[in-house]
């Protein structure tokens, strides 16, 4: 990966960037949740804007009547997870937080961690556009491919 080749994907255009794991189950969510329970620095979990302790199980966050949010840092990048649906794990972040190879290395490690925990493909995309892929990780291949699809 060469930062110069992908820098434009992180230029501010008024929208966030998304990280997706698709076709997920509650077991996939729990695998990711278990990683985030041990995250350093600790993740912040809130329900309806009120900070709470992260429960051991992800079920409470996935309940449709709660407005749950999990925020945490991957290196210098703050990510948020909103628990929209069981069948899709989605994180979002402000691309202005990505300014070079150091941040890309942090994202690369996080994307691989998600894929290895769930055994599923992970994509980093433009906001709300699962087809506008910036990077893709498949556990079968074991490496993140940047801008192979643009």
Foldseek 3Di string as FASTA:
>chain_A
DACVVQVVVLPDPPFKKKKKFFQAAQQLVLLVVQVQLPDVVHKWKDWPPHTDRDDNGCVVQQPPVTQMKIWDDQVQWIWIWGNPHRRMTMIITRSVSDDGDVVVVSVFVVLLSSCVSRQTKMFMATPPDPLRTQWIDHVVVSGIDGPPRD
